[in-house]
Protein backbone atom coordinates (compact mmCIF):
# COMPACT_ATOMS: atom_id res chain seq x y z
CA MET A 1 15.08 11.04 6.53
CA ILE A 2 14.03 14.63 6.02
CA GLN A 3 12.55 15.85 2.75
CA THR A 4 11.59 19.33 1.69
CA GLU A 5 10.33 20.86 -1.50
CA GLN A 6 13.05 22.49 -3.53
CA LEU A 7 11.80 26.06 -3.94
CA ARG A 8 13.49 29.10 -5.30
CA ASP A 9 13.37 32.01 -2.89
CA ASP A 10 11.56 34.21 -5.43
CA ARG A 11 8.77 31.58 -5.69
CA ILE A 12 8.16 31.88 -1.95
CA LEU A 13 8.34 35.63 -1.62
CA GLY A 14 7.17 36.83 -5.01
CA LYS A 15 8.86 39.70 -6.73
CA PRO A 16 10.58 42.01 -4.25
CA ARG A 17 9.16 45.48 -3.96
CA PRO A 18 11.45 48.49 -4.12
CA GLY A 19 13.12 48.97 -0.75
CA GLN A 20 12.06 45.54 0.53
CA ASP A 21 14.85 43.88 2.46
CA GLN A 22 15.97 40.39 1.50
CA LYS A 23 16.02 39.00 5.06
CA SER A 24 13.12 36.62 4.39
CA ALA A 25 14.79 35.13 1.31
CA GLN A 26 18.05 34.76 3.22
CA SER A 27 16.20 33.11 6.11
CA TRP A 28 14.73 30.40 3.85
CA SER A 29 18.14 29.75 2.38
CA ALA A 30 19.77 29.65 5.81
CA LEU A 31 17.12 27.25 7.15
CA ARG A 32 17.72 24.81 4.32
CA THR A 33 21.50 25.05 4.73
CA MET A 34 21.21 24.38 8.47
CA LEU A 35 18.89 21.42 7.89
CA GLU A 36 21.32 19.89 5.40
CA TYR A 37 24.28 20.46 7.71
CA ARG A 38 22.55 19.04 10.80
CA CYS A 39 21.26 16.03 8.88
CA HIS A 40 24.74 15.32 7.58
CA GLN A 41 26.18 15.57 11.11
CA ALA A 42 23.56 13.18 12.49
CA GLY A 43 23.80 10.70 9.61
CA ILE A 44 20.26 11.50 8.43
CA VAL A 45 19.39 11.64 4.75
CA PHE A 46 18.23 15.07 3.56
CA GLU A 47 16.64 15.46 0.15
CA ALA A 48 14.98 18.31 -1.69
CA VAL A 49 12.19 17.14 -3.97
CA SER A 50 11.72 18.93 -7.30
CA GLU A 51 8.94 21.51 -7.26
CA SER A 52 7.62 20.39 -10.64
CA ASP A 53 7.24 16.81 -9.42
CA THR A 54 5.18 17.85 -6.43
CA ILE A 55 2.92 20.59 -7.75
CA GLN A 56 1.96 18.98 -11.07
CA THR A 57 1.35 15.38 -10.00
CA CYS A 58 -2.04 14.26 -8.70
CA SER A 59 -1.44 12.73 -5.26
CA CYS A 60 -4.28 10.24 -5.81
CA CYS A 61 -3.66 8.75 -9.26
CA GLY A 62 0.01 9.73 -9.67
CA ARG A 63 -0.50 11.24 -13.11
CA ILE A 64 0.24 14.71 -14.40
CA PRO A 65 -3.16 15.58 -15.82
CA ALA A 66 -3.98 18.32 -18.31
CA SER A 67 -5.75 20.16 -15.48
CA SER A 68 -2.62 20.37 -13.30
CA LEU A 69 -0.74 23.58 -12.57
CA LYS A 70 1.85 22.98 -15.29
CA ASP A 71 2.98 26.52 -15.85
CA ARG A 72 2.78 27.37 -12.15
CA ALA A 73 2.30 30.95 -13.33
CA GLY A 74 -0.98 30.96 -11.49
CA LEU A 75 0.28 30.49 -7.95
CA ARG A 76 -2.87 32.31 -6.96
CA ILE A 77 -4.73 29.15 -8.04
CA ARG A 78 -5.22 27.32 -4.76
CA GLU A 79 -7.51 24.49 -5.87
CA TRP A 80 -7.80 22.28 -8.93
CA VAL A 81 -9.53 19.08 -10.02
CA CYS A 82 -7.59 16.21 -11.59
CA SER A 83 -8.95 15.57 -15.08
CA GLU A 84 -7.84 11.91 -14.83
CA CYS A 85 -9.46 10.77 -11.56
CA ALA A 86 -11.74 13.75 -10.72
CA THR A 87 -10.12 14.31 -7.31
CA ALA A 88 -10.34 17.87 -5.99
CA HIS A 89 -7.03 19.18 -4.65
CA ASP A 90 -5.83 22.02 -2.48
CA ARG A 91 -2.48 22.91 -4.03
CA ASP A 92 -0.47 22.91 -0.78
CA ILE A 93 -2.00 19.69 0.58
CA ASN A 94 -1.39 17.95 -2.76
CA VAL A 95 2.26 19.07 -2.65
CA ALA A 96 2.66 17.81 0.94
CA LYS A 97 1.16 14.42 0.02
CA ASN A 98 3.52 14.14 -2.97
CA ILE A 99 6.58 14.97 -0.83
CA LEU A 100 5.47 12.34 1.71
CA ALA A 101 4.98 9.77 -1.08
CA ALA A 102 8.45 10.54 -2.44
CA GLY A 103 9.87 9.93 1.05
CA HIS A 104 8.03 6.61 1.33
CA ARG A 105 9.35 5.51 -2.08
CA ARG A 106 12.86 6.47 -1.02
CA LEU A 107 12.54 4.49 2.21
CA ALA A 108 11.19 1.47 0.33
CA GLU A 109 14.24 1.58 -1.96
CA GLY A 110 16.51 1.61 1.05
CA ILE A 111 18.84 4.24 2.38
CA ALA A 112 22.52 3.60 2.94
CA PHE A 113 23.52 4.71 6.43
CA SER A 114 26.26 7.27 6.51
CA SER A 115 27.69 8.64 9.71
CA GLY A 116 28.45 12.31 9.29
CA ARG A 117 31.01 12.22 12.07
């Protein structure tokens, strides 16, 4: 099983500047497409986890506290403290832990094997 965060290209790259080429945005899109295709061929489950589920949820208590990055407008905010359990989070590490937890839940539920051949 392979899981990634479902990001829009503009969330990764920010607003394009005049004259900036779109190769980076196309590369992210191409990488995801290739991952999906290769997983399908090999019979591996590929899932993209919703961005809102990973960035807002505290990876320790599992809640979406008032102190979370709900509007995500402040992507410059790198750290926050959960108002529910007082755990300090680095935004990217919290997201990675939430994606991993989603994968573990999915594995616990069971995955039907499908040969892509």
